Amino acid sequence: MTIKQVLKMGESQLLEVASPVKAFNTSELEMLIQDMKDTMSALSGAGLAAPQIGVGLQVVIFGFKENQRYPDADEIPFTVLINPQLIPLSDEIEEDWEGCLSVPGLRGKVPRYTHLRYQGFDQHGQAIDRLVDGFHARVVQHECDHLQGILYPMRIRDFRSFGFIEALFPEQVVIDE
């Protein structure tokens, strides 16, 4: 098990655009994905992008059965998504709370498309094409933003809905990010 250090907001690598993956089924790609899984699991993340651990490739992972950071969220199947493309299926946008392993201790209300089609490949080069909505759509958009050098605070419209978890939600148990 290899748990990698997650880069934090302010580190320049998080603002770079990631490069497409050119080779699938490689030991390097498998090792990257395993490191990402180990890191995401250890930190109770809903997803993780390769740039968050300092690797500038278009690789994201996401999914969980239950997540202590998002206790009300529906299950999302574990997915490895490489070289993703996102296509909004409607103009409907919803603002909801997000957090990020690269922005620990904070939450903000972020506008996201509610219905989405995402396409890409798994680590074996097999095509992925899914229609999703709700929290699943939010997570995919959040993780794919990392591939474009975008952190969720950059999308917040009203900074009155951005702050430290313990100040925003004093009634909730705070989980260390």
Protein backbone atom coordinates (compact mmCIF):
# COMPACT_ATOMS: atom_id res chain seq x y z
CA MET A 1 0.00 0.00 0.00
CA THR A 2 1.41 3.38 -1.06
CA ILE A 3 -0.30 6.48 0.23
CA LYS A 4 0.89 9.54 -1.64
CA GLN A 5 0.98 13.08 -0.33
CA VAL A 6 -1.90 15.12 -1.72
CA LEU A 7 -0.88 18.52 -3.06
CA LYS A 8 -2.62 21.47 -1.42
CA MET A 9 -4.21 24.56 -2.94
CA GLY A 10 -1.43 27.04 -3.64
CA GLU A 11 0.94 24.48 -5.14
CA SER A 12 1.48 25.40 -8.79
CA GLN A 13 1.18 21.81 -10.12
CA LEU A 14 -2.54 21.88 -9.28
CA LEU A 15 -3.04 24.73 -11.76
CA GLU A 16 -1.50 22.93 -14.75
CA VAL A 17 -3.45 21.21 -17.53
CA ALA A 18 -2.85 17.44 -17.48
CA SER A 19 -1.62 15.53 -20.54
CA PRO A 20 -3.61 12.74 -22.17
CA VAL A 21 -2.60 9.16 -21.45
CA LYS A 22 -1.13 7.60 -24.60
CA ALA A 23 -0.49 4.01 -23.47
CA PHE A 24 -2.90 1.71 -21.65
CA ASN A 25 -2.25 -1.60 -19.88
CA THR A 26 1.20 -0.52 -18.68
CA SER A 27 2.78 -1.31 -15.34
CA GLU A 28 3.32 2.43 -14.78
CA LEU A 29 -0.37 3.17 -15.27
CA GLU A 30 -1.38 0.27 -13.00
CA MET A 31 1.02 1.51 -10.30
CA LEU A 32 -0.38 5.06 -10.57
CA ILE A 33 -3.95 3.81 -10.24
CA GLN A 34 -3.07 1.63 -7.25
CA ASP A 35 -1.33 4.57 -5.55
CA MET A 36 -4.40 6.72 -6.24
CA LYS A 37 -6.74 4.05 -4.82
CA ASP A 38 -4.61 3.66 -1.68
CA THR A 39 -4.44 7.42 -1.17
CA MET A 40 -8.15 8.02 -1.78
CA SER A 41 -9.11 5.17 0.53
CA ALA A 42 -6.78 6.27 3.34
CA LEU A 43 -8.22 9.80 3.22
CA SER A 44 -11.90 8.75 2.79
CA GLY A 45 -12.11 10.62 -0.50
CA ALA A 46 -14.95 10.34 -2.99
CA GLY A 47 -12.48 10.74 -5.85
CA LEU A 48 -8.94 11.67 -6.72
CA ALA A 49 -7.19 13.06 -9.80
CA ALA A 50 -3.62 12.20 -10.75
CA PRO A 51 -2.53 15.88 -10.60
CA GLN A 52 -3.45 15.90 -6.90
CA ILE A 53 -0.56 13.52 -6.25
CA GLY A 54 1.78 15.36 -8.60
CA VAL A 55 1.23 13.31 -11.77
CA GLY A 56 0.20 15.45 -14.75
CA LEU A 57 -1.86 12.84 -16.59
CA GLN A 58 -5.58 12.75 -17.41
CA VAL A 59 -6.46 10.03 -14.90
CA VAL A 60 -9.21 10.27 -12.29
CA ILE A 61 -10.72 7.71 -9.98
CA PHE A 62 -13.93 7.98 -8.01
CA GLY A 63 -16.55 5.90 -6.31
CA PHE A 64 -17.58 4.44 -2.97
CA LYS A 65 -20.22 2.32 -1.27
CA GLU A 66 -20.32 4.60 1.78
CA ASN A 67 -18.28 7.68 2.53
CA GLN A 68 -17.93 9.26 5.96
CA ARG A 69 -17.21 12.65 4.38
CA TYR A 70 -20.50 12.47 2.41
CA PRO A 71 -22.81 10.33 4.58
CA ASP A 72 -25.99 11.23 2.66
CA ALA A 73 -24.56 10.52 -0.79
CA ASP A 74 -25.74 7.57 -2.87
CA GLU A 75 -23.27 4.86 -3.77
CA ILE A 76 -21.11 5.53 -6.84
CA PRO A 77 -19.48 2.58 -8.62
CA PHE A 78 -15.70 2.63 -8.43
CA THR A 79 -14.41 3.97 -11.73
CA VAL A 80 -11.05 4.61 -13.35
CA LEU A 81 -11.62 7.29 -16.00
CA ILE A 82 -8.82 8.21 -18.39
CA ASN A 83 -8.80 11.00 -20.98
CA PRO A 84 -12.37 12.00 -20.05
CA GLN A 85 -14.84 14.07 -22.00
CA LEU A 86 -17.85 15.58 -20.24
CA ILE A 87 -21.05 16.48 -22.07
CA PRO A 88 -23.82 18.28 -20.14
CA LEU A 89 -27.22 16.78 -20.99
CA SER A 90 -29.21 19.86 -19.99
CA ASP A 91 -28.66 23.46 -18.95
CA GLU A 92 -29.86 22.65 -15.43
CA ILE A 93 -27.27 23.64 -12.83
CA GLU A 94 -27.44 23.09 -9.09
CA GLU A 95 -25.29 24.59 -6.35
CA ASP A 96 -24.29 22.22 -3.58
CA TRP A 97 -21.52 21.73 -1.05
CA GLU A 98 -18.15 20.36 -2.10
CA GLY A 99 -14.90 19.66 -0.39
CA CYS A 100 -11.54 18.54 -1.71
CA LEU A 101 -8.54 16.67 -0.40
CA SER A 102 -6.41 19.48 -1.87
CA VAL A 103 -8.42 22.11 0.03
CA PRO A 104 -8.61 20.47 3.48
CA GLY A 105 -10.97 21.68 6.17
CA LEU A 106 -13.06 23.85 3.85
CA ARG A 107 -16.38 23.50 2.02
CA GLY A 108 -18.08 25.65 -0.57
CA LYS A 109 -21.25 25.73 -2.64
CA VAL A 110 -20.31 25.03 -6.24
CA PRO A 111 -22.54 25.19 -9.34
CA ARG A 112 -22.49 21.99 -11.40
CA TYR A 113 -24.52 20.45 -14.21
CA THR A 114 -27.10 18.05 -12.80
CA HIS A 115 -27.21 15.66 -15.79
CA LEU A 116 -24.08 14.59 -17.58
CA ARG A 117 -22.63 12.13 -20.05
CA TYR A 118 -19.03 11.18 -19.53
CA GLN A 119 -16.82 9.26 -21.88
CA GLY A 120 -13.26 8.05 -21.70
CA PHE A 121 -11.33 4.86 -21.11
CA ASP A 122 -10.44 2.53 -18.27
CA GLN A 123 -6.85 1.48 -17.56
CA HIS A 124 -7.11 -1.30 -20.16
CA GLY A 125 -8.20 1.07 -22.93
CA GLN A 126 -11.82 -0.11 -22.81
CA ALA A 127 -14.31 2.64 -23.65
CA ILE A 128 -16.50 4.09 -20.91
CA ASP A 129 -19.74 5.91 -21.79
CA ARG A 130 -22.16 6.72 -18.96
CA LEU A 131 -25.16 8.95 -18.32
CA VAL A 132 -25.26 10.18 -14.72
CA ASP A 133 -26.94 12.72 -12.50
CA GLY A 134 -26.93 14.00 -8.94
CA PHE A 135 -23.89 13.48 -6.74
CA HIS A 136 -22.29 11.13 -9.28
CA ALA A 137 -22.35 13.90 -11.89
CA ARG A 138 -20.96 16.38 -9.34
CA VAL A 139 -18.05 14.11 -8.39
CA VAL A 140 -17.08 13.48 -12.02
CA GLN A 141 -17.10 17.20 -12.81
CA HIS A 142 -15.07 18.00 -9.68
CA GLU A 143 -12.40 15.39 -10.45
CA CYS A 144 -12.19 16.29 -14.14
CA ASP A 145 -11.74 19.96 -13.21
CA HIS A 146 -8.42 18.93 -11.64
CA LEU A 147 -7.26 17.81 -15.10
CA GLN A 148 -7.79 21.38 -16.33
CA GLY A 149 -6.01 23.00 -13.38
CA ILE A 150 -9.27 24.09 -11.74
CA LEU A 151 -9.96 23.80 -8.00
CA TYR A 152 -13.54 24.04 -6.76
CA PRO A 153 -13.08 27.45 -5.02
CA MET A 154 -12.44 28.90 -8.50
CA ARG A 155 -16.06 28.01 -9.42
CA ILE A 156 -17.77 29.43 -6.31
CA ARG A 157 -20.17 32.25 -7.14
CA ASP A 158 -20.92 33.51 -3.63
CA PHE A 159 -18.10 33.40 -1.08
CA ARG A 160 -20.61 33.68 1.76
CA SER A 161 -21.07 29.96 1.05
CA PHE A 162 -17.40 29.09 1.51
CA GLY A 163 -15.60 28.46 4.73
CA PHE A 164 -14.23 26.12 7.33
CA ILE A 165 -16.28 23.00 7.99
CA GLU A 166 -16.50 23.55 11.76
CA ALA A 167 -17.80 27.12 11.23
CA LEU A 168 -20.28 26.19 8.49
CA PHE A 169 -21.54 22.99 10.11
CA PRO A 170 -20.90 23.22 13.88
CA GLU A 171 -23.49 20.52 14.58
CA GLN A 172 -21.63 17.92 12.51
CA VAL A 173 -18.68 15.83 13.52
CA VAL A 174 -15.65 17.17 11.69
CA ILE A 175 -13.65 14.59 9.80
CA ASP A 176 -10.02 15.49 9.35
CA GLU A 177 -9.15 15.89 5.70
